[in-house]
N, C-alpha and C. Protein backbone atom coordinates (compact mmCIF):
# COMPACT_ATOMS: atom_id res chain seq x y z
N MET A 1 116.82 -87.14 -48.58
CA MET A 1 116.31 -86.36 -47.48
C MET A 1 117.42 -85.42 -47.00
N THR A 2 117.08 -84.20 -46.75
CA THR A 2 118.05 -83.24 -46.24
C THR A 2 117.92 -83.16 -44.72
N TYR A 3 119.00 -82.81 -44.08
CA TYR A 3 119.00 -82.72 -42.63
C TYR A 3 119.54 -81.37 -42.19
N THR A 4 119.04 -80.90 -41.08
CA THR A 4 119.52 -79.67 -40.47
C THR A 4 120.32 -80.06 -39.24
N THR A 5 121.54 -79.55 -39.12
CA THR A 5 122.35 -79.89 -37.96
C THR A 5 121.82 -79.16 -36.73
N THR A 6 122.14 -79.70 -35.57
CA THR A 6 121.74 -79.12 -34.31
C THR A 6 122.99 -78.87 -33.47
N GLU A 7 122.81 -78.34 -32.27
CA GLU A 7 123.93 -78.17 -31.35
C GLU A 7 124.36 -79.49 -30.75
N TYR A 8 123.61 -80.54 -31.02
CA TYR A 8 123.87 -81.86 -30.48
C TYR A 8 124.56 -82.69 -31.56
N LYS A 9 125.78 -83.12 -31.26
CA LYS A 9 126.62 -83.79 -32.25
C LYS A 9 125.91 -84.95 -32.94
N HIS A 10 125.14 -85.71 -32.23
CA HIS A 10 124.55 -86.93 -32.77
C HIS A 10 123.06 -86.82 -33.09
N ILE A 11 122.54 -85.60 -33.11
CA ILE A 11 121.12 -85.40 -33.37
C ILE A 11 120.96 -84.46 -34.56
N HIS A 12 120.07 -84.83 -35.46
CA HIS A 12 119.73 -83.93 -36.57
C HIS A 12 118.21 -83.87 -36.70
N LEU A 13 117.75 -82.85 -37.37
CA LEU A 13 116.32 -82.70 -37.62
C LEU A 13 116.03 -83.14 -39.04
N ASN A 14 115.03 -84.01 -39.20
CA ASN A 14 114.68 -84.44 -40.56
C ASN A 14 113.87 -83.34 -41.26
N ASP A 15 113.39 -83.64 -42.45
CA ASP A 15 112.65 -82.64 -43.23
C ASP A 15 111.41 -82.12 -42.52
N ASP A 16 110.86 -82.94 -41.62
CA ASP A 16 109.67 -82.53 -40.87
C ASP A 16 110.01 -81.85 -39.55
N GLY A 17 111.31 -81.64 -39.30
CA GLY A 17 111.73 -80.99 -38.06
C GLY A 17 111.76 -81.92 -36.86
N VAL A 18 111.70 -83.22 -37.11
CA VAL A 18 111.70 -84.21 -36.04
C VAL A 18 113.14 -84.58 -35.70
N PRO A 19 113.53 -84.54 -34.41
CA PRO A 19 114.89 -84.90 -34.04
C PRO A 19 115.13 -86.40 -34.17
N VAL A 20 116.18 -86.75 -34.92
CA VAL A 20 116.53 -88.14 -35.22
C VAL A 20 117.98 -88.35 -34.81
N ILE A 21 118.29 -89.55 -34.32
CA ILE A 21 119.66 -89.88 -33.96
C ILE A 21 120.44 -90.13 -35.25
N THR A 22 121.55 -89.43 -35.41
CA THR A 22 122.36 -89.47 -36.63
C THR A 22 122.75 -90.90 -36.99
N ASP A 23 122.70 -91.19 -38.29
CA ASP A 23 123.06 -92.49 -38.86
C ASP A 23 122.14 -93.62 -38.40
N THR A 24 120.95 -93.27 -37.95
CA THR A 24 119.93 -94.26 -37.60
C THR A 24 118.60 -93.75 -38.14
N THR A 25 117.59 -94.56 -37.98
CA THR A 25 116.23 -94.12 -38.30
C THR A 25 115.46 -93.85 -37.02
N MET A 26 116.13 -93.94 -35.87
CA MET A 26 115.45 -93.79 -34.58
C MET A 26 115.26 -92.33 -34.22
N LYS A 27 114.02 -92.00 -33.92
CA LYS A 27 113.69 -90.66 -33.46
C LYS A 27 114.00 -90.55 -31.97
N VAL A 28 114.36 -89.36 -31.53
CA VAL A 28 114.63 -89.12 -30.11
C VAL A 28 113.43 -89.52 -29.28
N VAL A 29 112.23 -89.20 -29.74
CA VAL A 29 111.01 -89.51 -29.00
C VAL A 29 110.87 -91.02 -28.80
N GLU A 30 111.32 -91.83 -29.75
CA GLU A 30 111.22 -93.28 -29.61
C GLU A 30 112.17 -93.79 -28.52
N LEU A 31 113.37 -93.26 -28.49
CA LEU A 31 114.33 -93.66 -27.47
C LEU A 31 113.84 -93.24 -26.09
N VAL A 32 113.36 -92.03 -25.97
CA VAL A 32 112.86 -91.52 -24.69
C VAL A 32 111.64 -92.31 -24.25
N SER A 33 110.76 -92.65 -25.17
CA SER A 33 109.58 -93.44 -24.83
C SER A 33 109.98 -94.81 -24.27
N ALA A 34 110.99 -95.42 -24.86
CA ALA A 34 111.47 -96.71 -24.35
C ALA A 34 112.05 -96.55 -22.96
N GLN A 35 112.80 -95.48 -22.75
CA GLN A 35 113.38 -95.25 -21.43
C GLN A 35 112.28 -95.04 -20.39
N GLN A 36 111.29 -94.27 -20.73
CA GLN A 36 110.20 -93.99 -19.79
C GLN A 36 109.35 -95.23 -19.52
N ALA A 37 109.09 -96.00 -20.55
CA ALA A 37 108.23 -97.18 -20.41
C ALA A 37 108.88 -98.26 -19.55
N TYR A 38 110.19 -98.43 -19.69
CA TYR A 38 110.87 -99.54 -19.03
C TYR A 38 111.83 -99.11 -17.93
N GLY A 39 112.07 -97.82 -17.79
CA GLY A 39 112.99 -97.34 -16.77
C GLY A 39 114.43 -97.69 -17.06
N TRP A 40 114.77 -97.82 -18.34
CA TRP A 40 116.11 -98.25 -18.73
C TRP A 40 117.14 -97.14 -18.55
N SER A 41 118.31 -97.52 -18.10
CA SER A 41 119.47 -96.63 -18.02
C SER A 41 120.03 -96.45 -19.43
N PRO A 42 120.92 -95.48 -19.62
CA PRO A 42 121.56 -95.35 -20.94
C PRO A 42 122.27 -96.64 -21.37
N GLU A 43 122.89 -97.32 -20.41
CA GLU A 43 123.59 -98.57 -20.74
C GLU A 43 122.60 -99.65 -21.19
N GLU A 44 121.44 -99.72 -20.53
CA GLU A 44 120.43 -100.69 -20.93
C GLU A 44 119.82 -100.33 -22.28
N LEU A 45 119.64 -99.04 -22.53
CA LEU A 45 119.17 -98.61 -23.84
C LEU A 45 120.14 -99.08 -24.92
N HIS A 46 121.44 -98.94 -24.64
CA HIS A 46 122.46 -99.38 -25.61
C HIS A 46 122.39 -100.90 -25.79
N PHE A 47 122.16 -101.63 -24.71
CA PHE A 47 122.03 -103.09 -24.81
C PHE A 47 120.81 -103.45 -25.67
N GLN A 48 119.71 -102.74 -25.47
CA GLN A 48 118.49 -103.01 -26.22
C GLN A 48 118.57 -102.54 -27.67
N PHE A 49 119.31 -101.48 -27.90
CA PHE A 49 119.47 -100.90 -29.24
C PHE A 49 120.96 -100.82 -29.55
N PRO A 50 121.61 -101.97 -29.80
CA PRO A 50 123.07 -101.98 -29.96
C PRO A 50 123.57 -101.19 -31.17
N HIS A 51 122.71 -100.89 -32.10
CA HIS A 51 123.10 -100.09 -33.27
C HIS A 51 123.24 -98.61 -32.93
N VAL A 52 122.83 -98.22 -31.72
CA VAL A 52 122.94 -96.82 -31.28
C VAL A 52 124.03 -96.76 -30.21
N SER A 53 125.08 -96.01 -30.50
CA SER A 53 126.20 -95.92 -29.56
C SER A 53 125.78 -95.22 -28.27
N LEU A 54 126.52 -95.49 -27.23
CA LEU A 54 126.23 -94.87 -25.94
C LEU A 54 126.34 -93.34 -26.04
N GLY A 55 127.31 -92.85 -26.82
CA GLY A 55 127.43 -91.40 -27.02
C GLY A 55 126.20 -90.81 -27.68
N LYS A 56 125.64 -91.52 -28.65
CA LYS A 56 124.43 -91.04 -29.32
C LYS A 56 123.23 -91.08 -28.38
N ILE A 57 123.19 -92.10 -27.54
CA ILE A 57 122.10 -92.20 -26.56
C ILE A 57 122.16 -91.02 -25.59
N HIS A 58 123.35 -90.72 -25.08
CA HIS A 58 123.48 -89.59 -24.17
C HIS A 58 123.14 -88.27 -24.86
N SER A 59 123.52 -88.14 -26.12
CA SER A 59 123.19 -86.93 -26.87
C SER A 59 121.68 -86.80 -27.04
N ALA A 60 121.01 -87.92 -27.33
CA ALA A 60 119.55 -87.91 -27.48
C ALA A 60 118.88 -87.55 -26.16
N LEU A 61 119.39 -88.09 -25.06
CA LEU A 61 118.81 -87.77 -23.76
C LEU A 61 119.05 -86.31 -23.39
N ALA A 62 120.21 -85.78 -23.74
CA ALA A 62 120.48 -84.36 -23.50
C ALA A 62 119.51 -83.50 -24.32
N TYR A 63 119.29 -83.90 -25.57
CA TYR A 63 118.35 -83.17 -26.41
C TYR A 63 116.96 -83.20 -25.77
N TYR A 64 116.57 -84.36 -25.28
CA TYR A 64 115.26 -84.48 -24.62
C TYR A 64 115.16 -83.51 -23.45
N TRP A 65 116.14 -83.49 -22.56
CA TRP A 65 116.05 -82.64 -21.37
C TRP A 65 116.04 -81.16 -21.72
N ASP A 66 116.71 -80.81 -22.82
CA ASP A 66 116.73 -79.41 -23.24
C ASP A 66 115.47 -79.02 -24.03
N HIS A 67 114.71 -80.02 -24.48
CA HIS A 67 113.49 -79.77 -25.26
C HIS A 67 112.33 -80.60 -24.70
N LYS A 68 112.32 -80.74 -23.39
CA LYS A 68 111.39 -81.65 -22.72
C LYS A 68 109.93 -81.36 -23.05
N ASP A 69 109.52 -80.12 -23.01
CA ASP A 69 108.11 -79.78 -23.27
C ASP A 69 107.67 -80.23 -24.66
N ALA A 70 108.51 -79.98 -25.66
CA ALA A 70 108.16 -80.36 -27.04
C ALA A 70 108.13 -81.88 -27.19
N ILE A 71 109.09 -82.58 -26.62
CA ILE A 71 109.14 -84.04 -26.73
C ILE A 71 107.96 -84.66 -25.98
N GLU A 72 107.67 -84.15 -24.78
CA GLU A 72 106.53 -84.67 -24.01
C GLU A 72 105.22 -84.43 -24.75
N ALA A 73 105.09 -83.30 -25.41
CA ALA A 73 103.89 -83.02 -26.20
C ALA A 73 103.78 -84.01 -27.37
N ASP A 74 104.90 -84.35 -27.97
CA ASP A 74 104.92 -85.32 -29.06
C ASP A 74 104.52 -86.70 -28.54
N ILE A 75 105.02 -87.08 -27.38
CA ILE A 75 104.65 -88.37 -26.77
C ILE A 75 103.15 -88.41 -26.52
N GLU A 76 102.61 -87.34 -25.98
CA GLU A 76 101.17 -87.26 -25.71
C GLU A 76 100.36 -87.33 -27.00
N ARG A 77 100.81 -86.63 -28.02
CA ARG A 77 100.13 -86.64 -29.32
C ARG A 77 100.11 -88.05 -29.89
N ARG A 78 101.23 -88.75 -29.80
CA ARG A 78 101.31 -90.11 -30.31
C ARG A 78 100.39 -91.05 -29.54
N ALA A 79 100.34 -90.89 -28.22
CA ALA A 79 99.49 -91.74 -27.40
C ALA A 79 98.01 -91.53 -27.76
N LYS A 80 97.62 -90.30 -27.97
CA LYS A 80 96.23 -90.01 -28.36
C LYS A 80 95.92 -90.59 -29.73
N MET A 81 96.88 -90.51 -30.65
CA MET A 81 96.68 -91.05 -31.99
C MET A 81 96.51 -92.58 -31.92
N VAL A 82 97.31 -93.24 -31.12
CA VAL A 82 97.20 -94.69 -30.97
C VAL A 82 95.85 -95.06 -30.37
N GLU A 83 95.44 -94.32 -29.35
CA GLU A 83 94.15 -94.60 -28.72
C GLU A 83 93.00 -94.40 -29.71
N GLU A 84 93.09 -93.38 -30.54
CA GLU A 84 92.05 -93.14 -31.54
C GLU A 84 92.03 -94.28 -32.56
N PHE A 85 93.19 -94.74 -33.02
CA PHE A 85 93.25 -95.88 -33.93
C PHE A 85 92.65 -97.12 -33.28
N ARG A 86 92.96 -97.31 -32.00
CA ARG A 86 92.45 -98.47 -31.26
C ARG A 86 90.92 -98.43 -31.19
N ARG A 87 90.38 -97.25 -30.93
CA ARG A 87 88.92 -97.10 -30.85
C ARG A 87 88.25 -97.37 -32.19
N GLN A 88 88.90 -96.96 -33.26
CA GLN A 88 88.31 -97.11 -34.59
C GLN A 88 88.48 -98.51 -35.17
N ALA A 89 89.42 -99.27 -34.66
CA ALA A 89 89.70 -100.60 -35.21
C ALA A 89 88.59 -101.58 -34.81
N PRO A 90 88.21 -102.42 -35.74
CA PRO A 90 87.21 -103.43 -35.39
C PRO A 90 87.84 -104.45 -34.42
N PRO A 91 87.02 -105.14 -33.64
CA PRO A 91 87.57 -106.13 -32.72
C PRO A 91 88.27 -107.25 -33.49
N SER A 92 89.33 -107.76 -32.91
CA SER A 92 90.04 -108.87 -33.55
C SER A 92 89.22 -110.15 -33.43
N ARG A 93 89.57 -111.16 -34.20
CA ARG A 93 88.85 -112.43 -34.13
C ARG A 93 88.93 -113.03 -32.74
N ILE A 94 90.10 -112.98 -32.14
CA ILE A 94 90.26 -113.57 -30.81
C ILE A 94 89.42 -112.82 -29.79
N GLU A 95 89.37 -111.48 -29.92
CA GLU A 95 88.54 -110.69 -29.01
C GLU A 95 87.08 -111.07 -29.17
N GLN A 96 86.62 -111.21 -30.40
CA GLN A 96 85.23 -111.59 -30.64
C GLN A 96 84.94 -112.96 -30.03
N LYS A 97 85.85 -113.89 -30.23
CA LYS A 97 85.67 -115.26 -29.72
C LYS A 97 85.62 -115.25 -28.19
N LEU A 98 86.51 -114.49 -27.57
CA LEU A 98 86.53 -114.42 -26.10
C LEU A 98 85.26 -113.78 -25.57
N ARG A 99 84.73 -112.78 -26.27
CA ARG A 99 83.46 -112.16 -25.86
C ARG A 99 82.30 -113.17 -25.97
N GLU A 100 82.29 -113.88 -27.09
CA GLU A 100 81.22 -114.86 -27.30
C GLU A 100 81.25 -115.95 -26.22
N GLN A 101 82.45 -116.29 -25.77
CA GLN A 101 82.59 -117.34 -24.75
C GLN A 101 82.45 -116.78 -23.33
N GLY A 102 82.28 -115.45 -23.22
CA GLY A 102 82.07 -114.83 -21.92
C GLY A 102 83.33 -114.60 -21.10
N TYR A 103 84.50 -114.74 -21.72
CA TYR A 103 85.75 -114.52 -20.98
C TYR A 103 86.07 -113.04 -20.78
N ILE A 104 85.59 -112.19 -21.69
CA ILE A 104 85.75 -110.74 -21.54
C ILE A 104 84.40 -110.10 -21.84
N SER A 105 84.26 -108.89 -21.32
CA SER A 105 82.97 -108.21 -21.57
C SER A 105 83.18 -107.00 -22.44
């Protein structure tokens, strides 16, 4: 896979133009989504993802703030895709059983 360098020391764009944290497989959008979902500080993100240095985390967050509209659009696109997959998926066995027993409607 080839990478395009960015102005951010620890961020590169993969072949699809997606910003990825250097020397990891983590996309910037994944780190930002975790921060937004849990309200984690950079230090807590590092605790949760110890393979990502604090410098790389700060670089990813800087990239996010400088490209907020594009990253937020990607988050929204991913959420819609998940919801569509959820709608198309058949009910799980446990869901069916709970419905049959009247625990959920």
